[in-house]
Amino acid sequence: MTTFLVLAALLVAVVVGILARPLLRAPAGTTKVDRRDANLAIFRDQLAELERERNEQSLGESDFQQARSELQRRLLEEVQPAEAPPTEIGAGRRSALALLIVIPLAAAAGYALLGTPRALDPLQRQARVTPEQIEQMLGGLVEKLRKNPDDSQGWVMLARSYKVLGRFPEAANAYGHAGTLLDQDAALLADYAEVLGQVNGGTLQGKPSELLARALKIDPDEPQALLLAGAAASERQEFAAAAEFWSRLLAQLAPGSEEAKTLAGAVDKAREMAAAQAGSTKSPGSGKPAALAVSGEVVLSGRLAGTVKPDDVLFVFARAEEGPRMPLAVTRATVAELPLRFRFDDSMALAGGRKISEFRTVSIEARIAKAGKAQSSSGDLFGRIGGVKLGSDNLRVVIDQVQP
């Protein structure tokens, strides 16, 4: 409202200024006076020339008198006052003053009669949609989709509308008709997984987890998919995997924000649970892990210490020596956390991926990603050890190489 009134006032001021300026301007007499003085000088020169010709007897007395009379007549015409009458100046100023008063009043009165003053009130501009109107709009969309069932965008719109209204079964049914549009969009897959979880009583196991795995395969950093994948892993008591998913999401949040603080607390709790879980899997009296796992420490070479910053992102991967290049497990941290302890077992398997226990040997790679992405890029610092047998403990991975 304030912006509108300011702009309207400025517009009225501009109009008044344009109209009043000519009326308030002083008469342009200076130029005329300067021209008159120049003409007087010319007339004096012409009169002197006439007298010279008469003295030289090249001009008769009668012709001289006639020429001088003509010059005098023209001189009288030239020296007439050029100033505007005072009454004219006063009238112009009175007209300008009238414009200053009349135009703003006329504009305000015109808007009051023809405009919509209530529209200036933000509360009046808010749309008030009744439940009946919402149902009518949904009914129209449903009818449109009956006539055109291949409209994937329409099905997604309907699904999101039902979700907002808390009608999760109908939302799930609508998402089921979205087809290829759903299969190609990580955010939509994550949203569909959330809706199915609500339909299933809050559990994300089964199809919701499958949808989340597909979403993270399309976009490994999709926020909602990471949040829900962590929740699904925690539900399965795979706390290390939950901490990993949530850590990847935490890196995308604004440091110090309420969301970041809450999620950081969840990550710490999940790591505590994972550590307690790892301790409980040891065989009594053996001191060795009963589960098939590898663990150790990541350190940074002293000669590269000056090339990194504390907030640079650090990834530690476990990959099969023979088989798919997709990591079997991964953890994310920062350079500030070095030296970093790690432990990989089946509980940290990526959603939709294979487990570490399916392979006899694995390789462990630690990478400081300058671009902040898991994919390697030029300038990254890394270290790697291969041929690691399951059950290996106290491994030491030294980051001592630079990616060309």
Protein backbone atom coordinates (compact mmCIF):
# COMPACT_ATOMS: atom_id res chain seq x y z
CA MET A 1 0.00 0.00 0.00
CA THR A 2 2.78 2.46 0.96
CA THR A 3 4.63 1.83 -2.29
CA PHE A 4 1.50 2.50 -4.33
CA LEU A 5 0.78 5.79 -2.54
CA VAL A 6 4.38 6.99 -2.91
CA LEU A 7 4.42 6.22 -6.63
CA ALA A 8 1.04 7.89 -7.13
CA ALA A 9 2.21 11.02 -5.30
CA LEU A 10 5.39 11.17 -7.38
CA LEU A 11 3.39 10.83 -10.59
CA VAL A 12 1.04 13.69 -9.59
CA ALA A 13 4.04 15.85 -8.66
CA VAL A 14 5.64 15.25 -12.05
CA VAL A 15 2.44 16.18 -13.89
CA VAL A 16 1.97 19.35 -11.82
CA GLY A 17 5.60 20.30 -12.37
CA ILE A 18 5.31 19.91 -16.13
CA LEU A 19 2.13 22.00 -16.32
CA ALA A 20 3.11 24.70 -13.83
CA ARG A 21 6.65 25.35 -15.04
CA PRO A 22 5.70 27.49 -18.05
CA LEU A 23 3.30 29.53 -15.90
CA LEU A 24 5.86 30.21 -13.18
CA ARG A 25 8.72 30.99 -15.55
CA ALA A 26 9.78 34.64 -15.60
CA PRO A 27 9.31 36.48 -18.95
CA ALA A 28 12.25 36.11 -21.21
CA GLY A 29 13.12 39.80 -21.49
CA THR A 30 16.91 39.60 -21.24
CA THR A 31 17.37 38.33 -24.75
CA LYS A 32 15.13 41.03 -26.17
CA VAL A 33 17.03 43.78 -24.28
CA ASP A 34 20.35 42.51 -25.58
CA ARG A 35 19.02 42.49 -29.16
CA ARG A 36 17.58 46.04 -28.75
CA ASP A 37 20.96 47.42 -27.59
CA ALA A 38 22.64 45.88 -30.61
CA ASN A 39 20.02 47.40 -32.96
CA LEU A 40 20.49 50.86 -31.37
CA ALA A 41 24.19 50.67 -32.05
CA ILE A 42 23.45 49.79 -35.69
CA PHE A 43 21.03 52.72 -36.01
CA ARG A 44 23.65 55.11 -34.63
CA ASP A 45 26.17 53.89 -37.16
CA GLN A 46 23.65 54.29 -39.99
CA LEU A 47 22.82 57.84 -38.86
CA ALA A 48 26.54 58.73 -38.77
CA GLU A 49 26.91 57.30 -42.27
CA LEU A 50 24.03 59.49 -43.54
CA GLU A 51 25.61 62.60 -42.03
CA ARG A 52 28.96 61.74 -43.61
CA GLU A 53 27.37 61.38 -47.05
CA ARG A 54 25.55 64.71 -46.63
CA ASN A 55 28.79 66.47 -45.65
CA GLU A 56 30.49 64.98 -48.66
CA GLN A 57 27.55 66.31 -50.73
CA SER A 58 26.93 62.80 -52.08
CA LEU A 59 23.49 62.94 -50.46
CA GLY A 60 21.09 65.84 -50.87
CA GLU A 61 19.50 67.66 -47.93
CA SER A 62 16.00 66.46 -48.74
CA ASP A 63 17.14 62.83 -49.09
CA PHE A 64 19.09 63.11 -45.85
CA GLN A 65 16.01 64.38 -43.98
CA GLN A 66 13.84 61.61 -45.37
CA ALA A 67 16.37 58.86 -44.53
CA ARG A 68 16.87 60.25 -41.01
CA SER A 69 13.11 60.33 -40.43
CA GLU A 70 12.84 56.68 -41.44
CA LEU A 71 15.66 55.71 -39.06
CA GLN A 72 14.00 57.60 -36.21
CA ARG A 73 10.67 55.86 -36.85
CA ARG A 74 12.32 52.44 -36.77
CA LEU A 75 14.27 53.46 -33.65
CA LEU A 76 11.04 54.39 -31.82
CA GLU A 77 9.54 51.02 -32.68
CA GLU A 78 12.59 49.21 -31.35
CA VAL A 79 12.74 50.92 -27.96
CA GLN A 80 9.10 50.03 -26.96
CA PRO A 81 9.01 48.20 -23.52
CA ALA A 82 9.41 44.37 -23.85
CA GLU A 83 8.40 43.42 -20.31
CA ALA A 84 5.15 41.55 -19.74
CA PRO A 85 2.50 43.47 -17.88
CA PRO A 86 2.42 42.76 -14.15
CA THR A 87 -1.13 41.55 -14.42
CA GLU A 88 -0.03 38.85 -16.91
CA ILE A 89 2.70 37.58 -14.56
CA GLY A 90 0.33 37.49 -11.64
CA ALA A 91 -2.23 35.58 -13.67
CA GLY A 92 0.35 32.93 -14.60
CA ARG A 93 1.36 32.42 -10.98
CA ARG A 94 -2.25 32.20 -9.88
CA SER A 95 -2.88 29.55 -12.54
CA ALA A 96 0.14 27.54 -11.38
CA LEU A 97 -1.05 27.70 -7.76
CA ALA A 98 -4.48 26.51 -8.84
CA LEU A 99 -2.90 23.53 -10.61
CA LEU A 100 -0.92 22.63 -7.50
CA ILE A 101 -4.15 22.37 -5.52
CA VAL A 102 -6.67 21.15 -8.07
CA ILE A 103 -4.75 18.28 -9.74
CA PRO A 104 -3.95 16.26 -6.55
CA LEU A 105 -7.50 16.78 -5.25
CA ALA A 106 -8.99 15.75 -8.59
CA ALA A 107 -6.77 12.63 -8.74
CA ALA A 108 -7.76 11.56 -5.22
CA ALA A 109 -11.44 12.19 -5.89
CA GLY A 110 -11.30 10.31 -9.19
CA TYR A 111 -9.68 7.25 -7.57
CA ALA A 112 -12.22 7.33 -4.73
CA LEU A 113 -15.08 7.31 -7.25
CA LEU A 114 -13.70 5.00 -9.95
CA GLY A 115 -10.94 2.97 -8.26
CA THR A 116 -10.91 0.32 -5.55
CA PRO A 117 -9.49 1.87 -2.36
CA ARG A 118 -10.04 -1.36 -0.42
CA ALA A 119 -7.43 -2.97 -2.63
CA LEU A 120 -4.81 -0.88 -0.81
CA ASP A 121 -5.45 -2.91 2.35
CA PRO A 122 -3.27 -6.09 2.29
CA LEU A 123 -5.89 -7.94 4.34
CA GLN A 124 -8.52 -7.20 1.71
CA ARG A 125 -6.25 -8.52 -1.04
CA GLN A 126 -5.80 -11.92 0.54
CA ALA A 127 -7.78 -14.59 -1.22
CA ARG A 128 -10.37 -16.19 0.97
CA VAL A 129 -10.94 -19.64 -0.46
CA THR A 130 -13.67 -21.66 1.21
CA PRO A 131 -13.56 -25.45 1.59
CA GLU A 132 -16.40 -25.65 -0.92
CA GLN A 133 -14.32 -23.74 -3.47
CA ILE A 134 -11.35 -26.05 -2.87
CA GLU A 135 -13.52 -29.10 -3.44
CA GLN A 136 -14.90 -27.50 -6.58
CA MET A 137 -11.40 -26.86 -7.94
CA LEU A 138 -10.29 -30.41 -7.13
CA GLY A 139 -13.41 -31.77 -8.80
CA GLY A 140 -12.64 -29.75 -11.92
CA LEU A 141 -9.07 -31.09 -12.00
CA VAL A 142 -10.26 -34.67 -11.52
CA GLU A 143 -12.76 -34.28 -14.35
CA LYS A 144 -10.05 -32.85 -16.58
CA LEU A 145 -7.78 -35.83 -15.84
CA ARG A 146 -10.59 -38.27 -16.62
CA LYS A 147 -10.73 -36.78 -20.09
CA ASN A 148 -6.95 -36.61 -20.45
CA PRO A 149 -5.40 -39.36 -18.27
CA ASP A 150 -1.94 -38.90 -19.85
CA ASP A 151 -1.53 -35.44 -18.33
CA SER A 152 1.37 -36.20 -15.96
CA GLN A 153 1.64 -32.61 -14.77
CA GLY A 154 -2.03 -32.63 -13.86
CA TRP A 155 -1.65 -35.84 -11.81
CA VAL A 156 1.30 -34.35 -9.93
CA MET A 157 -0.71 -31.20 -9.20
CA LEU A 158 -3.61 -33.30 -7.94
CA ALA A 159 -1.30 -35.43 -5.77
CA ARG A 160 0.28 -32.37 -4.14
CA SER A 161 -3.14 -30.85 -3.53
CA TYR A 162 -4.35 -34.00 -1.80
CA LYS A 163 -1.15 -34.14 0.26
CA VAL A 164 -1.62 -30.57 1.50
CA LEU A 165 -5.15 -31.48 2.53
CA GLY A 166 -3.89 -34.56 4.37
CA ARG A 167 -5.72 -36.94 2.04
CA PHE A 168 -2.75 -39.28 1.63
CA PRO A 169 -4.43 -42.32 0.01
CA GLU A 170 -5.80 -40.12 -2.80
CA ALA A 171 -2.40 -38.41 -3.10
CA ALA A 172 -0.65 -41.78 -3.44
CA ASN A 173 -3.16 -42.87 -6.08
CA ALA A 174 -2.59 -39.64 -8.06
CA TYR A 175 1.20 -40.05 -7.89
CA GLY A 176 0.77 -43.58 -9.23
CA HIS A 177 -0.60 -42.08 -12.47
CA ALA A 178 2.25 -39.58 -12.99
CA GLY A 179 4.22 -42.02 -15.16
CA THR A 180 7.56 -41.03 -16.66
CA LEU A 181 7.45 -37.54 -15.14
CA LEU A 182 7.66 -39.15 -11.71
CA ASP A 183 10.41 -41.59 -12.71
CA GLN A 184 12.70 -38.78 -13.90
CA ASP A 185 12.32 -36.38 -10.96
CA ALA A 186 14.12 -37.12 -7.67
CA ALA A 187 12.04 -34.60 -5.72
CA LEU A 188 8.77 -36.14 -6.90
CA LEU A 189 9.97 -39.66 -6.03
CA ALA A 190 10.86 -38.48 -2.52
CA ASP A 191 7.49 -36.81 -2.14
CA TYR A 192 5.73 -39.97 -3.33
CA ALA A 193 7.74 -41.99 -0.78
CA GLU A 194 6.64 -39.65 2.00
CA VAL A 195 2.99 -39.97 0.97
CA LEU A 196 3.23 -43.78 0.90
CA GLY A 197 4.86 -43.70 4.33
CA GLN A 198 1.88 -41.79 5.68
CA VAL A 199 -0.49 -44.27 4.07
CA ASN A 200 1.47 -47.17 5.64
CA GLY A 201 1.17 -45.79 9.13
CA GLY A 202 4.45 -43.86 9.17
CA THR A 203 6.82 -46.62 8.07
CA LEU A 204 9.16 -46.03 5.13
CA GLN A 205 10.05 -49.69 4.61
CA GLY A 206 9.17 -51.48 1.38
CA LYS A 207 8.17 -49.38 -1.61
CA PRO A 208 8.95 -46.01 0.03
CA SER A 209 12.58 -47.11 0.53
CA GLU A 210 12.71 -48.31 -3.07
CA LEU A 211 11.48 -44.90 -4.25
CA LEU A 212 14.08 -43.15 -2.12
CA ALA A 213 16.86 -45.30 -3.59
CA ARG A 214 15.70 -44.36 -7.10
CA ALA A 215 15.57 -40.70 -6.13
CA LEU A 216 19.12 -40.70 -4.75
CA LYS A 217 20.35 -42.50 -7.84
CA ILE A 218 19.00 -39.62 -9.94
CA ASP A 219 20.24 -36.92 -7.55
CA PRO A 220 22.48 -38.03 -4.64
CA ASP A 221 21.99 -34.64 -2.94
CA GLU A 222 18.19 -34.33 -3.14
CA PRO A 223 17.32 -32.89 0.30
CA GLN A 224 13.98 -34.57 1.00
CA ALA A 225 15.26 -37.93 -0.22
CA LEU A 226 18.31 -37.68 2.09
CA LEU A 227 16.12 -36.77 5.06
CA LEU A 228 13.70 -39.63 4.47
CA ALA A 229 16.45 -42.14 3.60
CA GLY A 230 18.08 -41.34 6.94
CA ALA A 231 14.76 -41.85 8.69
CA ALA A 232 14.24 -45.17 6.89
CA ALA A 233 17.77 -46.32 7.84
CA SER A 234 17.18 -45.34 11.46
CA GLU A 235 13.92 -47.27 11.39
CA ARG A 236 15.92 -50.33 10.28
CA GLN A 237 18.38 -49.58 13.11
CA GLU A 238 21.11 -48.89 10.54
CA PHE A 239 22.29 -45.87 12.49
CA ALA A 240 25.60 -45.41 10.69
CA ALA A 241 23.76 -45.17 7.38
CA ALA A 242 21.25 -42.74 8.90
CA ALA A 243 24.10 -40.53 10.13
CA GLU A 244 25.64 -40.59 6.64
CA PHE A 245 22.42 -39.56 4.88
CA TRP A 246 21.76 -36.79 7.36
CA SER A 247 25.37 -35.58 7.22
CA ARG A 248 25.05 -35.11 3.47
CA LEU A 249 21.88 -33.11 4.05
CA LEU A 250 23.47 -31.09 6.87
CA ALA A 251 26.17 -29.85 4.49
CA GLN A 252 23.44 -28.18 2.41
CA LEU A 253 21.89 -26.22 5.29
CA ALA A 254 22.88 -22.75 6.41
CA PRO A 255 25.40 -23.08 9.27
CA GLY A 256 23.93 -21.99 12.59
CA SER A 257 20.31 -22.14 11.42
CA GLU A 258 17.69 -23.85 13.57
CA GLU A 259 17.29 -26.59 10.96
CA ALA A 260 21.06 -27.20 10.94
CA LYS A 261 21.24 -27.37 14.74
CA THR A 262 18.37 -29.85 14.92
CA LEU A 263 19.79 -32.06 12.19
CA ALA A 264 23.30 -31.92 13.68
CA GLY A 265 21.84 -33.24 16.93
CA ALA A 266 20.20 -36.10 15.03
CA VAL A 267 23.51 -36.93 13.31
CA ASP A 268 25.38 -37.01 16.61
CA LYS A 269 22.72 -39.23 18.15
CA ALA A 270 22.80 -41.62 15.18
CA ARG A 271 26.59 -41.85 15.41
CA GLU A 272 26.38 -42.62 19.11
CA MET A 273 23.85 -45.37 18.39
CA ALA A 274 26.05 -46.73 15.60
CA ALA A 275 29.08 -46.81 17.90
CA ALA A 276 27.12 -48.58 20.61
CA GLN A 277 25.78 -50.99 18.03
CA ALA A 278 29.29 -51.73 16.76
CA GLY A 279 30.48 -52.45 20.27
CA SER A 280 27.67 -54.90 20.89
CA THR A 281 28.55 -56.96 17.79
CA LYS A 282 31.93 -58.06 19.19
CA SER A 283 32.26 -61.68 20.30
CA PRO A 284 32.64 -62.01 24.07
CA GLY A 285 36.29 -62.18 25.09
CA SER A 286 37.60 -62.19 21.51
CA GLY A 287 38.09 -58.45 21.14
CA LYS A 288 37.51 -58.83 17.38
CA PRO A 289 34.44 -57.77 15.41
CA ALA A 290 32.09 -60.61 14.70
CA ALA A 291 30.50 -58.67 11.79
CA LEU A 292 32.28 -58.42 8.45
CA ALA A 293 33.62 -54.86 8.57
CA VAL A 294 36.71 -52.75 7.94
CA SER A 295 37.84 -49.83 10.07
CA GLY A 296 40.74 -47.49 10.50
CA GLU A 297 41.88 -43.89 10.39
CA VAL A 298 42.29 -41.20 7.70
CA VAL A 299 45.17 -38.72 8.02
CA LEU A 300 46.49 -35.89 5.83
CA SER A 301 50.09 -35.78 4.64
CA GLY A 302 52.04 -32.93 6.20
CA ARG A 303 53.24 -31.64 2.83
CA LEU A 304 49.65 -31.01 1.72
CA ALA A 305 48.38 -29.51 4.98
CA GLY A 306 48.86 -25.95 3.73
CA THR A 307 46.69 -26.51 0.65
CA VAL A 308 43.40 -27.20 2.45
CA LYS A 309 40.90 -25.30 4.57
CA PRO A 310 39.13 -26.60 7.69
CA ASP A 311 35.72 -26.56 6.00
CA ASP A 312 36.82 -28.46 2.87
CA VAL A 313 34.63 -31.54 2.36
CA LEU A 314 36.12 -34.97 3.02
CA PHE A 315 34.67 -38.21 1.63
CA VAL A 316 35.75 -41.73 2.63
CA PHE A 317 34.59 -44.52 0.30
CA ALA A 318 34.60 -48.31 0.44
CA ARG A 319 34.49 -49.88 -3.03
CA ALA A 320 34.59 -53.43 -4.31
CA GLU A 321 37.96 -54.41 -5.80
CA GLU A 322 36.13 -56.25 -8.54
CA GLY A 323 32.63 -55.25 -9.46
CA PRO A 324 30.58 -52.07 -9.62
CA ARG A 325 32.28 -48.71 -9.23
CA MET A 326 29.39 -47.41 -7.14
CA PRO A 327 30.58 -47.16 -3.52
CA LEU A 328 29.48 -49.85 -1.13
CA ALA A 329 29.57 -47.37 1.72
CA VAL A 330 30.58 -43.76 2.19
CA THR A 331 30.99 -41.29 5.00
CA ARG A 332 31.30 -37.52 4.79
CA ALA A 333 33.17 -35.14 7.08
CA THR A 334 35.38 -32.04 6.88
CA VAL A 335 39.13 -31.46 7.00
CA ALA A 336 38.69 -30.01 10.50
CA GLU A 337 37.75 -33.53 11.72
CA LEU A 338 41.07 -35.09 10.62
CA PRO A 339 42.45 -37.46 11.75
CA LEU A 340 39.11 -39.23 11.17
CA ARG A 341 38.12 -42.66 12.40
CA PHE A 342 35.93 -44.71 10.05
CA ARG A 343 34.15 -48.05 10.06
CA PHE A 344 32.28 -49.67 7.20
CA ASP A 345 29.92 -52.64 7.47
CA ASP A 346 26.64 -53.82 5.95
CA SER A 347 24.63 -51.33 8.01
CA MET A 348 26.20 -48.51 5.96
CA ALA A 349 25.21 -49.93 2.58
CA LEU A 350 23.80 -47.24 0.30
CA ALA A 351 20.10 -47.40 -0.45
CA GLY A 352 19.61 -49.74 -3.40
CA GLY A 353 23.31 -50.71 -3.41
CA ARG A 354 25.22 -53.90 -2.58
CA LYS A 355 26.63 -54.81 0.83
CA ILE A 356 30.28 -54.93 1.80
CA SER A 357 29.94 -58.54 2.98
CA GLU A 358 29.31 -59.66 -0.61
CA PHE A 359 32.98 -59.10 -1.54
CA ARG A 360 36.21 -60.70 -0.35
CA THR A 361 38.32 -57.56 -0.62
CA VAL A 362 37.59 -53.86 -0.92
CA SER A 363 39.51 -50.66 -1.46
CA ILE A 364 39.31 -47.64 0.84
CA GLU A 365 39.70 -44.16 -0.63
CA ALA A 366 39.71 -40.83 1.17
CA ARG A 367 39.21 -37.70 -0.93
CA ILE A 368 39.19 -34.00 -0.07
CA ALA A 369 36.78 -32.65 -2.70
CA LYS A 370 37.57 -29.05 -3.61
CA ALA A 371 34.23 -28.76 -5.43
CA GLY A 372 32.33 -30.30 -2.52
CA LYS A 373 31.03 -33.16 -4.68
CA ALA A 374 31.63 -36.86 -4.34
CA GLN A 375 32.70 -37.09 -7.98
CA SER A 376 36.45 -36.60 -8.42
CA SER A 377 37.66 -33.39 -10.03
CA SER A 378 40.97 -31.75 -10.81
CA GLY A 379 42.73 -30.41 -7.72
CA ASP A 380 41.21 -32.93 -5.29
CA LEU A 381 43.52 -34.45 -2.70
CA PHE A 382 43.22 -38.19 -2.15
CA GLY A 383 44.74 -41.34 -0.74
CA ARG A 384 43.87 -44.97 -1.33
CA ILE A 385 44.64 -48.46 -0.09
CA GLY A 386 43.52 -51.60 -1.90
CA GLY A 387 43.24 -55.29 -1.23
CA VAL A 388 41.61 -54.74 2.15
CA LYS A 389 40.14 -57.94 3.55
CA LEU A 390 36.91 -57.88 5.50
CA GLY A 391 37.56 -57.84 9.21
CA SER A 392 40.65 -55.63 8.82
CA ASP A 393 41.08 -53.16 11.65
CA ASN A 394 43.39 -50.22 12.36
CA LEU A 395 43.81 -49.35 8.69
CA ARG A 396 45.65 -46.11 7.92
CA VAL A 397 44.69 -44.12 4.81
CA VAL A 398 47.06 -41.25 4.06
CA ILE A 399 45.86 -38.42 1.80
CA ASP A 400 49.08 -37.66 -0.07
CA GLN A 401 48.17 -37.29 -3.76
CA VAL A 402 46.70 -34.53 -5.94
CA GLN A 403 44.19 -35.26 -8.69
CA PRO A 404 45.62 -34.03 -12.04
